[in-house]
Structures are given as C-alpha cells and as structure tokens.
PDB file of N, CA and C in Angstrom:
ATOM      1  N   MET A   1       0.826  -1.196   0.000  1.00  0.00           N
ATOM      2  CA  MET A   1       0.000   0.000   0.000  1.00  0.00           C
ATOM      3  C   MET A   1       0.869   1.260   0.000  1.00  0.00           C
ATOM      4  N   ASN A   2       1.935   1.227   0.807  1.00  0.00           N
ATOM      5  CA  ASN A   2       2.820   2.380   0.871  1.00  0.00           C
ATOM      6  C   ASN A   2       3.522   2.627  -0.463  1.00  0.00           C
ATOM      7  N   GLU A   3       3.804   1.544  -1.169  1.00  0.00           N
ATOM      8  CA  GLU A   3       4.482   1.673  -2.469  1.00  0.00           C
ATOM      9  C   GLU A   3       3.591   2.393  -3.487  1.00  0.00           C
ATOM     10  N   ILE A   4       2.299   2.099  -3.462  1.00  0.00           N
ATOM     11  CA  ILE A   4       1.357   2.752  -4.387  1.00  0.00           C
ATOM     12  C   ILE A   4       1.272   4.245  -4.084  1.00  0.00           C
ATOM     13  N   LEU A   5       1.187   4.589  -2.816  1.00  0.00           N
ATOM     14  CA  LEU A   5       1.122   6.005  -2.438  1.00  0.00           C
ATOM     15  C   LEU A   5       2.414   6.733  -2.788  1.00  0.00           C
ATOM     16  N   LYS A   6       3.529   6.059  -2.595  1.00  0.00           N
ATOM     17  CA  LYS A   6       4.821   6.647  -2.927  1.00  0.00           C
ATOM     18  C   LYS A   6       4.918   6.910  -4.431  1.00  0.00           C
ATOM     19  N   ASN A   7       4.524   5.944  -5.246  1.00  0.00           N
ATOM     20  CA  ASN A   7       4.568   6.104  -6.700  1.00  0.00           C
ATOM     21  C   ASN A   7       3.592   7.182  -7.174  1.00  0.00           C
ATOM     22  N   THR A   8       2.425   7.226  -6.581  1.00  0.00           N
ATOM     23  CA  THR A   8       1.439   8.249  -6.937  1.00  0.00           C
ATOM     24  C   THR A   8       1.971   9.639  -6.606  1.00  0.00           C
ATOM     25  N   GLY A   9       2.603   9.775  -5.466  1.00  0.00           N
ATOM     26  CA  GLY A   9       3.184  11.053  -5.077  1.00  0.00           C
ATOM     27  C   GLY A   9       4.294  11.482  -6.012  1.00  0.00           C
ATOM     28  N   LEU A  10       5.154  10.544  -6.411  1.00  0.00           N
ATOM     29  CA  LEU A  10       6.234  10.859  -7.339  1.00  0.00           C
ATOM     30  C   LEU A  10       5.702  11.270  -8.710  1.00  0.00           C
ATOM     31  N   VAL A  11       4.696  10.567  -9.200  1.00  0.00           N
ATOM     32  CA  VAL A  11       4.095  10.917 -10.492  1.00  0.00           C
ATOM     33  C   VAL A  11       3.449  12.291 -10.413  1.00  0.00           C
ATOM     34  N   SER A  12       2.753  12.571  -9.342  1.00  0.00           N
ATOM     35  CA  SER A  12       2.125  13.884  -9.177  1.00  0.00           C
ATOM     36  C   SER A  12       3.170  14.989  -9.127  1.00  0.00           C
ATOM     37  N   LEU A  13       4.245  14.753  -8.417  1.00  0.00           N
ATOM     38  CA  LEU A  13       5.325  15.732  -8.316  1.00  0.00           C
ATOM     39  C   LEU A  13       5.963  15.983  -9.678  1.00  0.00           C
ATOM     40  N   MET A  14       6.169  14.937 -10.443  1.00  0.00           N
ATOM     41  CA  MET A  14       6.761  15.081 -11.779  1.00  0.00           C
ATOM     42  C   MET A  14       5.818  15.859 -12.709  1.00  0.00           C
ATOM     43  N   LEU A  15       4.517  15.603 -12.618  1.00  0.00           N
ATOM     44  CA  LEU A  15       3.569  16.326 -13.459  1.00  0.00           C
ATOM     45  C   LEU A  15       3.553  17.819 -13.129  1.00  0.00           C
ATOM     46  N   VAL A  16       3.589  18.145 -11.850  1.00  0.00           N
ATOM     47  CA  VAL A  16       3.625  19.548 -11.440  1.00  0.00           C
ATOM     48  C   VAL A  16       4.912  20.205 -11.916  1.00  0.00           C
ATOM     49  N   LEU A  17       6.018  19.511 -11.808  1.00  0.00           N
ATOM     50  CA  LEU A  17       7.307  20.033 -12.242  1.00  0.00           C
ATOM     51  C   LEU A  17       7.318  20.280 -13.757  1.00  0.00           C
ATOM     52  N   LEU A  18       6.843  19.312 -14.520  1.00  0.00           N
ATOM     53  CA  LEU A  18       6.795  19.465 -15.977  1.00  0.00           C
ATOM     54  C   LEU A  18       5.855  20.595 -16.395  1.00  0.00           C
ATOM     55  N   TYR A  19       4.725  20.718 -15.732  1.00  0.00           N
ATOM     56  CA  TYR A  19       3.782  21.788 -16.039  1.00  0.00           C
ATOM     57  C   TYR A  19       4.402  23.152 -15.740  1.00  0.00           C
ATOM     58  N   SER A  20       5.115  23.256 -14.641  1.00  0.00           N
ATOM     59  CA  SER A  20       5.763  24.519 -14.284  1.00  0.00           C
ATOM     60  C   SER A  20       6.832  24.893 -15.311  1.00  0.00           C
ATOM     61  N   ILE A  21       7.621  23.915 -15.729  1.00  0.00           N
ATOM     62  CA  ILE A  21       8.650  24.175 -16.739  1.00  0.00           C
ATOM     63  C   ILE A  21       8.015  24.605 -18.046  1.00  0.00           C
ATOM     64  N   LYS A  22       6.923  23.981 -18.434  1.00  0.00           N
ATOM     65  CA  LYS A  22       6.226  24.352 -19.669  1.00  0.00           C
ATOM     66  C   LYS A  22       5.720  25.789 -19.590  1.00  0.00           C
ATOM     67  N   LYS A  23       5.143  26.178 -18.449  1.00  0.00           N
ATOM     68  CA  LYS A  23       4.643  27.538 -18.273  1.00  0.00           C
ATOM     69  C   LYS A  23       5.775  28.558 -18.366  1.00  0.00           C
ATOM     70  N   ILE A  24       6.922  28.235 -17.793  1.00  0.00           N
ATOM     71  CA  ILE A  24       8.064  29.143 -17.845  1.00  0.00           C
ATOM     72  C   ILE A  24       8.538  29.313 -19.286  1.00  0.00           C
ATOM     73  N   PHE A  25       8.639  28.219 -20.020  1.00  0.00           N
ATOM     74  CA  PHE A  25       9.069  28.310 -21.412  1.00  0.00           C
ATOM     75  C   PHE A  25       8.052  29.074 -22.254  1.00  0.00           C
ATOM     76  N   ASP A  26       6.767  28.861 -22.028  1.00  0.00           N
ATOM     77  CA  ASP A  26       5.739  29.602 -22.763  1.00  0.00           C
ATOM     78  C   ASP A  26       5.828  31.089 -22.471  1.00  0.00           C
ATOM     79  N   TYR A  27       6.015  31.440 -21.222  1.00  0.00           N
ATOM     80  CA  TYR A  27       6.128  32.839 -20.816  1.00  0.00           C
ATOM     81  C   TYR A  27       7.333  33.502 -21.492  1.00  0.00           C
ATOM     82  N   CYS A  28       8.470  32.828 -21.471  1.00  0.00           N
ATOM     83  CA  CYS A  28       9.680  33.383 -22.093  1.00  0.00           C
ATOM     84  C   CYS A  28       9.514  33.492 -23.609  1.00  0.00           C
ATOM     85  N   ASP A  29       8.897  32.505 -24.208  1.00  0.00           N
ATOM     86  CA  ASP A  29       8.702  32.518 -25.661  1.00  0.00           C
ATOM     87  C   ASP A  29       7.775  33.649 -26.078  1.00  0.00           C
ATOM     88  N   LEU A  30       6.688  33.864 -25.344  1.00  0.00           N
ATOM     89  CA  LEU A  30       5.755  34.924 -25.696  1.00  0.00           C
ATOM     90  C   LEU A  30       6.383  36.301 -25.547  1.00  0.00           C
ATOM     91  N   HIS A  31       7.185  36.490 -24.524  1.00  0.00           N
ATOM     92  CA  HIS A  31       7.812  37.791 -24.315  1.00  0.00           C
ATOM     93  C   HIS A  31       8.939  38.043 -25.304  1.00  0.00           C
ATOM     94  N   SER A  32       9.599  36.996 -25.761  1.00  0.00           N
ATOM     95  CA  SER A  32      10.687  37.198 -26.714  1.00  0.00           C
ATOM     96  C   SER A  32      10.152  37.520 -28.108  1.00  0.00           C
ATOM     97  N   THR A  33       8.948  37.086 -28.436  1.00  0.00           N
ATOM     98  CA  THR A  33       8.380  37.369 -29.754  1.00  0.00           C
ATOM     99  C   THR A  33       7.396  38.537 -29.715  1.00  0.00           C
ATOM    100  N   ASP A  34       7.230  39.172 -28.572  1.00  0.00           N
ATOM    101  CA  ASP A  34       6.288  40.276 -28.391  1.00  0.00           C
ATOM    102  C   ASP A  34       4.854  39.886 -28.741  1.00  0.00           C
ATOM    103  N   SER A  35       4.516  38.633 -28.580  1.00  0.00           N
ATOM    104  CA  SER A  35       3.158  38.163 -28.839  1.00  0.00           C
ATOM    105  C   SER A  35       2.325  38.155 -27.571  1.00  0.00           C
ATOM    106  N   TYR A  36       2.901  38.645 -26.501  1.00  0.00           N
ATOM    107  CA  TYR A  36       2.212  38.580 -25.216  1.00  0.00           C
ATOM    108  C   TYR A  36       0.998  39.494 -25.173  1.00  0.00           C
ATOM    109  N   GLU A  37       1.078  40.629 -25.852  1.00  0.00           N
ATOM    110  CA  GLU A  37      -0.023  41.581 -25.813  1.00  0.00           C
ATOM    111  C   GLU A  37      -1.175  41.098 -26.687  1.00  0.00           C
ATOM    112  N   ASP A  38      -2.349  41.345 -26.251  1.00  0.00           N
ATOM    113  CA  ASP A  38      -3.536  40.983 -26.991  1.00  0.00           C
ATOM    114  C   ASP A  38      -3.734  41.995 -28.117  1.00  0.00           C
ATOM    115  N   GLU A  39      -3.969  41.517 -29.334  1.00  0.00           N
ATOM    116  CA  GLU A  39      -4.117  42.409 -30.477  1.00  0.00           C
ATOM    117  C   GLU A  39      -5.356  43.296 -30.337  1.00  0.00           C
ATOM    118  N   ASN A  40      -6.429  42.755 -29.782  1.00  0.00           N
ATOM    119  CA  ASN A  40      -7.653  43.545 -29.622  1.00  0.00           C
ATOM    120  C   ASN A  40      -7.428  44.709 -28.656  1.00  0.00           C
ATOM    121  N   VAL A  41      -6.696  44.467 -27.610  1.00  0.00           N
ATOM    122  CA  VAL A  41      -6.412  45.522 -26.643  1.00  0.00           C
ATOM    123  C   VAL A  41      -5.547  46.595 -27.291  1.00  0.00           C
ATOM    124  N   SER A  42      -4.566  46.176 -28.071  1.00  0.00           N
ATOM    125  CA  SER A  42      -3.696  47.134 -28.755  1.00  0.00           C
ATOM    126  C   SER A  42      -4.488  47.988 -29.738  1.00  0.00           C
ATOM    127  N   LYS A  43      -5.398  47.367 -30.494  1.00  0.00           N
ATOM    128  CA  LYS A  43      -6.215  48.110 -31.458  1.00  0.00           C
ATOM    129  C   LYS A  43      -7.119  49.111 -30.738  1.00  0.00           C
ATOM    130  N   ALA A  44      -7.731  48.684 -29.652  1.00  0.00           N
ATOM    131  CA  ALA A  44      -8.621  49.563 -28.904  1.00  0.00           C
ATOM    132  C   ALA A  44      -7.847  50.747 -28.331  1.00  0.00           C
ATOM    133  N   ALA A  45      -6.661  50.512 -27.828  1.00  0.00           N
ATOM    134  CA  ALA A  45      -5.853  51.598 -27.283  1.00  0.00           C
ATOM    135  C   ALA A  45      -5.443  52.566 -28.385  1.00  0.00           C
ATOM    136  N   GLU A  46      -5.098  52.050 -29.538  1.00  0.00           N
ATOM    137  CA  GLU A  46      -4.706  52.909 -30.654  1.00  0.00           C
ATOM    138  C   GLU A  46      -5.879  53.768 -31.123  1.00  0.00           C
ATOM    139  N   GLU A  47      -7.061  53.171 -31.208  1.00  0.00           N
ATOM    140  CA  GLU A  47      -8.250  53.937 -31.597  1.00  0.00           C
ATOM    141  C   GLU A  47      -8.561  55.021 -30.567  1.00  0.00           C
ATOM    142  N   PHE A  48      -8.401  54.705 -29.300  1.00  0.00           N
ATOM    143  CA  PHE A  48      -8.651  55.677 -28.239  1.00  0.00           C
ATOM    144  C   PHE A  48      -7.693  56.863 -28.360  1.00  0.00           C
ATOM    145  N   VAL A  49      -6.445  56.587 -28.621  1.00  0.00           N
ATOM    146  CA  VAL A  49      -5.462  57.657 -28.771  1.00  0.00           C
ATOM    147  C   VAL A  49      -5.798  58.518 -29.985  1.00  0.00           C
ATOM    148  N   GLN A  50      -6.231  57.906 -31.064  1.00  0.00           N
ATOM    149  CA  GLN A  50      -6.595  58.670 -32.264  1.00  0.00           C
ATOM    150  C   GLN A  50      -7.808  59.549 -31.992  1.00  0.00           C
ATOM    151  N   GLU A  51      -8.783  59.031 -31.252  1.00  0.00           N
ATOM    152  CA  GLU A  51      -9.957  59.838 -30.906  1.00  0.00           C
ATOM    153  C   GLU A  51      -9.571  61.046 -30.069  1.00  0.00           C
ATOM    154  N   ILE A  52      -8.724  60.832 -29.106  1.00  0.00           N
ATOM    155  CA  ILE A  52      -8.276  61.915 -28.232  1.00  0.00           C
ATOM    156  C   ILE A  52      -7.523  62.968 -29.043  1.00  0.00           C
ATOM    157  N   SER A  53      -6.686  62.518 -29.948  1.00  0.00           N
ATOM    158  CA  SER A  53      -5.910  63.487 -30.753  1.00  0.00           C
ATOM    159  C   SER A  53      -6.848  64.268 -31.687  1.00  0.00           C
ATOM    160  N   ARG A  54      -7.895  63.632 -32.204  1.00  0.00           N
ATOM    161  CA  ARG A  54      -8.864  64.342 -33.068  1.00  0.00           C
ATOM    162  C   ARG A  54      -9.629  65.384 -32.255  1.00  0.00           C
ATOM    163  N   LYS A  55     -10.009  65.029 -31.053  1.00  0.00           N
ATOM    164  CA  LYS A  55     -10.726  65.983 -30.202  1.00  0.00           C
ATOM    165  C   LYS A  55      -9.826  67.154 -29.824  1.00  0.00           C
ATOM    166  N   GLY A  56      -8.545  66.881 -29.644  1.00  0.00           N
ATOM    167  CA  GLY A  56      -7.606  67.943 -29.331  1.00  0.00           C
ATOM    168  C   GLY A  56      -7.427  68.902 -30.502  1.00  0.00           C
ATOM    169  N   GLU A  57      -7.444  68.371 -31.716  1.00  0.00           N
ATOM    170  CA  GLU A  57      -7.326  69.217 -32.910  1.00  0.00           C
ATOM    171  C   GLU A  57      -8.558  70.098 -33.049  1.00  0.00           C
ATOM    172  N   LYS A  58      -9.737  69.544 -32.766  1.00  0.00           N
ATOM    173  CA  LYS A  58     -10.970  70.349 -32.856  1.00  0.00           C
ATOM    174  C   LYS A  58     -10.977  71.458 -31.805  1.00  0.00           C
ATOM    175  N   ALA A  59     -10.436  71.192 -30.644  1.00  0.00           N
ATOM    176  CA  ALA A  59     -10.415  72.199 -29.592  1.00  0.00           C
ATOM    177  C   ALA A  59      -9.448  73.323 -29.933  1.00  0.00           C
ATOM    178  N   ASP A  60      -8.384  73.023 -30.667  1.00  0.00           N
ATOM    179  CA  ASP A  60      -7.419  74.040 -31.057  1.00  0.00           C
ATOM    180  C   ASP A  60      -8.005  75.009 -32.089  1.00  0.00           C
ATOM    181  N   LEU A  61      -8.956  74.534 -32.886  1.00  0.00           N
ATOM    182  CA  LEU A  61      -9.533  75.389 -33.925  1.00  0.00           C
ATOM    183  C   LEU A  61     -10.501  76.323 -33.278  1.00  0.00           C
TER     184      LEU A  61
END
C-alpha cells in the first residue's frame, strides 16, 4: 500500500514540475516574440489615442 502512495506522489510531483517548466518556457517565448499583448487591446488603445488626438485638434480650432 505504501508503495502505491509513494509512486502516486512521485508521479504527481513530476507532473507539477513538468507543467511549471512548460509555463516558464511559454512565458519566455511569448515575451521574446512580443506576442504577449492581446491584439484587440492594442487596437482599442490605438483607436482611443486617435480619438483623443482628433478631439484635441478640434479644440485648437
């Protein structure tokens, strides 16, 4: 019985370790390719900046 629990614990530990390593590699890969940012968020921010700049031009006139 103890052997089964020991093996189950080792397998669980290995799965957690492998999952953590995968997450670290994914995080590093996304940041190195600049794919981390969401494209929709970037587009929305760009549109917001353009709207603000248009309103500023109208206020100057």
